[in-house]
N, C-alpha and C. Protein backbone atom coordinates (compact mmCIF):
# COMPACT_ATOMS: atom_id res chain seq x y z
N MET A 1 -8.90 5.23 19.54
CA MET A 1 -8.97 4.30 18.43
C MET A 1 -8.36 2.97 18.85
N SER A 2 -8.98 1.90 18.40
CA SER A 2 -8.43 0.58 18.71
C SER A 2 -7.77 -0.01 17.47
N TYR A 3 -6.70 -0.71 17.70
CA TYR A 3 -5.92 -1.31 16.61
C TYR A 3 -6.11 -2.82 16.63
N PRO A 4 -5.97 -3.52 15.54
CA PRO A 4 -5.59 -3.02 14.22
C PRO A 4 -6.75 -2.36 13.48
N VAL A 5 -6.40 -1.50 12.51
CA VAL A 5 -7.37 -0.83 11.66
C VAL A 5 -7.15 -1.35 10.24
N ASN A 6 -8.23 -1.75 9.58
CA ASN A 6 -8.12 -2.33 8.24
C ASN A 6 -8.70 -1.41 7.18
N PHE A 7 -8.00 -1.34 6.06
CA PHE A 7 -8.43 -0.58 4.88
C PHE A 7 -8.39 -1.53 3.69
N PRO A 8 -9.48 -2.27 3.44
CA PRO A 8 -9.44 -3.33 2.44
C PRO A 8 -9.65 -2.84 1.01
N ASP A 9 -8.99 -3.50 0.09
CA ASP A 9 -9.28 -3.47 -1.35
C ASP A 9 -9.47 -2.08 -1.96
N VAL A 10 -8.44 -1.24 -1.85
CA VAL A 10 -8.44 0.04 -2.54
C VAL A 10 -7.90 -0.22 -3.95
N LEU A 11 -8.70 0.12 -4.97
CA LEU A 11 -8.28 -0.11 -6.35
C LEU A 11 -7.19 0.88 -6.72
N LEU A 12 -6.04 0.35 -7.17
CA LEU A 12 -4.94 1.21 -7.60
C LEU A 12 -5.02 1.48 -9.10
N VAL A 13 -5.00 0.40 -9.89
CA VAL A 13 -5.02 0.53 -11.34
C VAL A 13 -5.32 -0.84 -11.94
N ASN A 14 -6.02 -0.87 -13.08
CA ASN A 14 -6.41 -2.13 -13.72
C ASN A 14 -7.10 -3.02 -12.69
N THR A 15 -6.60 -4.23 -12.43
CA THR A 15 -7.23 -5.10 -11.43
C THR A 15 -6.41 -5.17 -10.14
N ILE A 16 -5.46 -4.27 -9.97
CA ILE A 16 -4.56 -4.31 -8.80
C ILE A 16 -5.18 -3.53 -7.64
N THR A 17 -5.27 -4.20 -6.48
CA THR A 17 -5.79 -3.56 -5.28
C THR A 17 -4.74 -3.57 -4.16
N ALA A 18 -4.92 -2.67 -3.21
CA ALA A 18 -4.07 -2.60 -2.02
C ALA A 18 -4.94 -2.71 -0.79
N SER A 19 -4.57 -3.59 0.13
CA SER A 19 -5.26 -3.75 1.41
C SER A 19 -4.25 -3.46 2.51
N THR A 20 -4.55 -2.46 3.35
CA THR A 20 -3.62 -2.02 4.38
C THR A 20 -4.18 -2.29 5.76
N THR A 21 -3.32 -2.77 6.65
CA THR A 21 -3.64 -2.93 8.07
C THR A 21 -2.65 -2.11 8.87
N VAL A 22 -3.18 -1.28 9.78
CA VAL A 22 -2.34 -0.50 10.68
C VAL A 22 -2.48 -1.11 12.07
N ALA A 23 -1.36 -1.48 12.66
CA ALA A 23 -1.36 -2.11 13.98
C ALA A 23 -0.36 -1.39 14.88
N LEU A 24 -0.49 -1.64 16.18
CA LEU A 24 0.50 -1.15 17.14
C LEU A 24 1.49 -2.27 17.42
N VAL A 25 2.76 -1.98 17.21
CA VAL A 25 3.83 -2.93 17.49
C VAL A 25 4.81 -2.24 18.42
N ASN A 26 4.93 -2.73 19.64
CA ASN A 26 5.79 -2.10 20.66
C ASN A 26 5.46 -0.62 20.83
N GLY A 27 4.14 -0.29 20.82
CA GLY A 27 3.69 1.08 21.01
C GLY A 27 3.84 1.98 19.80
N MET A 28 4.26 1.42 18.66
CA MET A 28 4.49 2.20 17.45
C MET A 28 3.51 1.76 16.36
N GLN A 29 2.94 2.73 15.64
CA GLN A 29 2.05 2.39 14.53
C GLN A 29 2.88 1.82 13.37
N VAL A 30 2.39 0.71 12.82
CA VAL A 30 3.06 0.03 11.71
C VAL A 30 2.00 -0.32 10.68
N SER A 31 2.28 -0.07 9.40
CA SER A 31 1.34 -0.44 8.35
C SER A 31 1.90 -1.60 7.54
N THR A 32 1.01 -2.52 7.20
CA THR A 32 1.35 -3.62 6.30
C THR A 32 0.36 -3.56 5.14
N THR A 33 0.87 -3.44 3.93
CA THR A 33 0.02 -3.33 2.75
C THR A 33 0.26 -4.53 1.85
N GLU A 34 -0.82 -5.24 1.52
CA GLU A 34 -0.78 -6.35 0.58
C GLU A 34 -1.29 -5.86 -0.76
N PHE A 35 -0.55 -6.16 -1.81
CA PHE A 35 -0.95 -5.81 -3.16
C PHE A 35 -1.42 -7.08 -3.85
N LYS A 36 -2.67 -7.05 -4.35
CA LYS A 36 -3.28 -8.24 -4.94
C LYS A 36 -3.85 -7.93 -6.31
N THR A 37 -4.04 -8.98 -7.08
CA THR A 37 -4.68 -8.91 -8.37
C THR A 37 -5.51 -10.16 -8.55
N SER A 38 -6.29 -10.22 -9.60
CA SER A 38 -7.12 -11.40 -9.83
C SER A 38 -6.28 -12.68 -9.95
N ALA A 39 -5.02 -12.53 -10.32
CA ALA A 39 -4.13 -13.70 -10.46
C ALA A 39 -3.49 -14.12 -9.14
N GLY A 40 -3.62 -13.31 -8.08
CA GLY A 40 -3.05 -13.68 -6.79
C GLY A 40 -2.33 -12.54 -6.10
N LEU A 41 -1.54 -12.89 -5.10
CA LEU A 41 -0.81 -11.92 -4.28
C LEU A 41 0.44 -11.46 -5.02
N LEU A 42 0.55 -10.16 -5.21
CA LEU A 42 1.75 -9.59 -5.83
C LEU A 42 2.88 -9.47 -4.81
N GLY A 43 2.56 -8.99 -3.60
CA GLY A 43 3.59 -8.82 -2.58
C GLY A 43 3.08 -7.97 -1.44
N THR A 44 3.95 -7.75 -0.46
CA THR A 44 3.61 -7.03 0.76
C THR A 44 4.70 -6.02 1.09
N VAL A 45 4.29 -4.85 1.60
CA VAL A 45 5.23 -3.84 2.07
C VAL A 45 4.83 -3.44 3.48
N THR A 46 5.80 -3.45 4.41
CA THR A 46 5.57 -3.04 5.80
C THR A 46 6.38 -1.77 6.05
N LEU A 47 5.70 -0.75 6.61
CA LEU A 47 6.33 0.54 6.89
C LEU A 47 6.05 0.96 8.32
N SER A 48 6.93 1.80 8.87
CA SER A 48 6.79 2.30 10.24
C SER A 48 7.50 3.63 10.35
N PRO A 49 7.41 4.31 11.51
CA PRO A 49 8.17 5.55 11.67
C PRO A 49 9.69 5.33 11.51
N VAL A 50 10.17 4.11 11.76
CA VAL A 50 11.59 3.82 11.61
C VAL A 50 11.96 3.73 10.12
N GLN A 51 11.10 3.12 9.32
CA GLN A 51 11.28 3.06 7.86
C GLN A 51 9.96 3.49 7.21
N PRO A 52 9.77 4.82 7.03
CA PRO A 52 8.47 5.32 6.57
C PRO A 52 8.28 5.28 5.05
N THR A 53 9.33 5.02 4.29
CA THR A 53 9.22 5.09 2.84
C THR A 53 9.94 3.91 2.19
N ALA A 54 9.33 3.40 1.12
CA ALA A 54 9.99 2.40 0.27
C ALA A 54 9.83 2.87 -1.17
N THR A 55 10.87 2.68 -1.98
CA THR A 55 10.85 3.15 -3.36
C THR A 55 11.33 2.07 -4.31
N ASN A 56 10.96 2.21 -5.56
CA ASN A 56 11.44 1.37 -6.66
C ASN A 56 11.28 -0.12 -6.39
N ILE A 57 10.04 -0.54 -6.16
CA ILE A 57 9.73 -1.95 -5.90
C ILE A 57 8.96 -2.50 -7.09
N GLU A 58 9.37 -3.66 -7.58
CA GLU A 58 8.62 -4.33 -8.64
C GLU A 58 8.04 -5.62 -8.10
N MET A 59 6.75 -5.81 -8.35
CA MET A 59 6.06 -7.03 -7.94
C MET A 59 5.40 -7.62 -9.18
N LYS A 60 5.38 -8.96 -9.26
CA LYS A 60 4.83 -9.59 -10.45
C LYS A 60 4.15 -10.89 -10.08
N VAL A 61 3.00 -11.13 -10.72
CA VAL A 61 2.35 -12.43 -10.64
C VAL A 61 1.81 -12.71 -12.04
N GLY A 62 2.13 -13.88 -12.56
CA GLY A 62 1.79 -14.17 -13.95
C GLY A 62 2.47 -13.16 -14.84
N ASN A 63 1.73 -12.55 -15.74
CA ASN A 63 2.27 -11.50 -16.61
C ASN A 63 2.05 -10.10 -16.07
N GLN A 64 1.24 -9.98 -15.01
CA GLN A 64 0.89 -8.66 -14.48
C GLN A 64 2.01 -8.11 -13.60
N VAL A 65 2.35 -6.84 -13.83
CA VAL A 65 3.47 -6.21 -13.13
C VAL A 65 2.98 -4.95 -12.42
N LEU A 66 3.39 -4.80 -11.16
CA LEU A 66 3.16 -3.59 -10.39
C LEU A 66 4.52 -2.95 -10.12
N GLN A 67 4.66 -1.70 -10.52
CA GLN A 67 5.87 -0.93 -10.22
C GLN A 67 5.48 0.12 -9.18
N ILE A 68 6.05 0.01 -7.98
CA ILE A 68 5.81 1.02 -6.95
C ILE A 68 6.96 2.01 -7.00
N ALA A 69 6.68 3.22 -7.42
CA ALA A 69 7.71 4.27 -7.43
C ALA A 69 8.01 4.69 -5.99
N LYS A 70 6.92 4.89 -5.20
CA LYS A 70 7.09 5.30 -3.81
C LYS A 70 5.85 4.94 -3.01
N ILE A 71 6.07 4.37 -1.84
CA ILE A 71 4.99 4.16 -0.87
C ILE A 71 5.47 4.81 0.43
N ASN A 72 4.59 5.63 1.02
CA ASN A 72 4.99 6.44 2.17
C ASN A 72 4.01 6.27 3.33
N PHE A 73 4.53 6.22 4.54
CA PHE A 73 3.76 6.05 5.77
C PHE A 73 3.95 7.28 6.65
N GLN A 74 2.83 7.80 7.18
CA GLN A 74 2.86 8.88 8.16
C GLN A 74 2.02 8.43 9.35
N ALA A 75 2.63 8.30 10.52
CA ALA A 75 1.90 7.88 11.71
C ALA A 75 0.96 9.00 12.17
N ALA A 76 -0.17 8.60 12.74
CA ALA A 76 -1.08 9.57 13.36
C ALA A 76 -0.48 10.02 14.68
N PHE A 77 -0.45 11.32 14.92
CA PHE A 77 0.14 11.85 16.14
C PHE A 77 -0.58 13.15 16.49
N GLY A 78 -1.16 13.19 17.69
CA GLY A 78 -1.88 14.39 18.09
C GLY A 78 -3.03 14.67 17.14
N LEU A 79 -3.04 15.87 16.55
CA LEU A 79 -4.10 16.25 15.62
C LEU A 79 -3.78 15.88 14.17
N VAL A 80 -2.60 15.31 13.93
CA VAL A 80 -2.18 14.95 12.58
C VAL A 80 -2.70 13.55 12.24
N SER A 81 -3.42 13.44 11.13
CA SER A 81 -3.93 12.14 10.69
C SER A 81 -2.79 11.27 10.18
N GLY A 82 -2.94 9.98 10.36
CA GLY A 82 -2.00 9.04 9.76
C GLY A 82 -2.44 8.73 8.35
N GLU A 83 -1.49 8.39 7.49
CA GLU A 83 -1.85 8.03 6.13
C GLU A 83 -0.78 7.16 5.50
N VAL A 84 -1.22 6.38 4.51
CA VAL A 84 -0.32 5.65 3.64
C VAL A 84 -0.67 6.08 2.22
N THR A 85 0.34 6.54 1.48
CA THR A 85 0.14 6.92 0.09
C THR A 85 1.05 6.07 -0.79
N CYS A 86 0.62 5.87 -2.03
CA CYS A 86 1.37 5.01 -2.94
C CYS A 86 1.27 5.56 -4.36
N SER A 87 2.39 5.54 -5.08
CA SER A 87 2.38 5.95 -6.49
C SER A 87 3.22 4.97 -7.29
N GLY A 88 2.87 4.85 -8.55
CA GLY A 88 3.59 3.95 -9.43
C GLY A 88 2.78 3.66 -10.67
N SER A 89 2.90 2.43 -11.18
CA SER A 89 2.13 2.03 -12.36
C SER A 89 1.89 0.53 -12.32
N GLY A 90 0.88 0.10 -13.06
CA GLY A 90 0.56 -1.32 -13.12
C GLY A 90 0.03 -1.69 -14.49
N THR A 91 0.29 -2.92 -14.89
CA THR A 91 -0.18 -3.40 -16.19
C THR A 91 -1.52 -4.12 -16.03
N ASP A 92 -2.11 -4.47 -17.14
CA ASP A 92 -3.30 -5.32 -17.11
C ASP A 92 -2.85 -6.77 -16.88
N PRO A 93 -3.77 -7.72 -16.70
CA PRO A 93 -3.38 -9.11 -16.41
C PRO A 93 -2.51 -9.76 -17.49
N GLN A 94 -2.53 -9.23 -18.71
CA GLN A 94 -1.70 -9.77 -19.78
C GLN A 94 -0.32 -9.12 -19.84
N GLY A 95 -0.03 -8.21 -18.90
CA GLY A 95 1.27 -7.54 -18.88
C GLY A 95 1.36 -6.38 -19.85
N LYS A 96 0.21 -5.89 -20.31
CA LYS A 96 0.18 -4.80 -21.30
C LYS A 96 -0.48 -3.55 -20.70
N ASP A 97 -0.41 -2.47 -21.45
CA ASP A 97 -1.09 -1.21 -21.11
C ASP A 97 -0.77 -0.71 -19.69
N PRO A 98 0.50 -0.47 -19.36
CA PRO A 98 0.80 0.08 -18.05
C PRO A 98 0.12 1.43 -17.85
N ALA A 99 -0.47 1.62 -16.68
CA ALA A 99 -1.17 2.86 -16.36
C ALA A 99 -0.66 3.39 -15.02
N PRO A 100 -0.45 4.71 -14.91
CA PRO A 100 0.06 5.27 -13.66
C PRO A 100 -1.05 5.44 -12.62
N PHE A 101 -0.65 5.50 -11.36
CA PHE A 101 -1.58 5.80 -10.27
C PHE A 101 -0.85 6.57 -9.19
N GLN A 102 -1.61 7.32 -8.43
CA GLN A 102 -1.12 8.00 -7.23
C GLN A 102 -2.31 8.09 -6.29
N LYS A 103 -2.27 7.34 -5.17
CA LYS A 103 -3.44 7.23 -4.31
C LYS A 103 -3.07 7.29 -2.83
N GLN A 104 -4.03 7.79 -2.06
CA GLN A 104 -3.98 7.63 -0.62
C GLN A 104 -4.72 6.30 -0.36
N ILE A 105 -4.02 5.33 0.21
CA ILE A 105 -4.64 4.01 0.37
C ILE A 105 -5.11 3.74 1.80
N ALA A 106 -4.75 4.63 2.73
CA ALA A 106 -5.24 4.51 4.11
C ALA A 106 -5.12 5.86 4.80
N THR A 107 -6.10 6.16 5.66
CA THR A 107 -6.01 7.35 6.52
C THR A 107 -6.74 7.08 7.82
N TRP A 108 -6.17 7.53 8.92
CA TRP A 108 -6.75 7.27 10.24
C TRP A 108 -6.34 8.37 11.22
N ASN A 109 -7.09 8.44 12.33
CA ASN A 109 -6.81 9.39 13.40
C ASN A 109 -6.59 8.62 14.70
N ASN A 110 -5.91 9.27 15.64
CA ASN A 110 -5.73 8.67 16.97
C ASN A 110 -7.02 8.75 17.75
């Protein structure tokens, strides 16, 4: 497999999407996930085998809020697929009607 690998525009909830890029940095797989909405960029999370999990992150643009309960990274190794999973909740563009999500936003093999 050649890097970087892109996983664009996975719909999480309402109008919030996640776009993940997996790259090799110093021989180590690293994922960078951008969270976007129609109002713009909510924020970015970078994970690696050194820091594979991030929890309790709030991102906001305009009135829209994304709450990430947990985002987790698993590097591909041998026969084990790599993956990035994310769970949390997000509001609509007016900041109302929060809805939960739990998704696999990227998966790849060596």
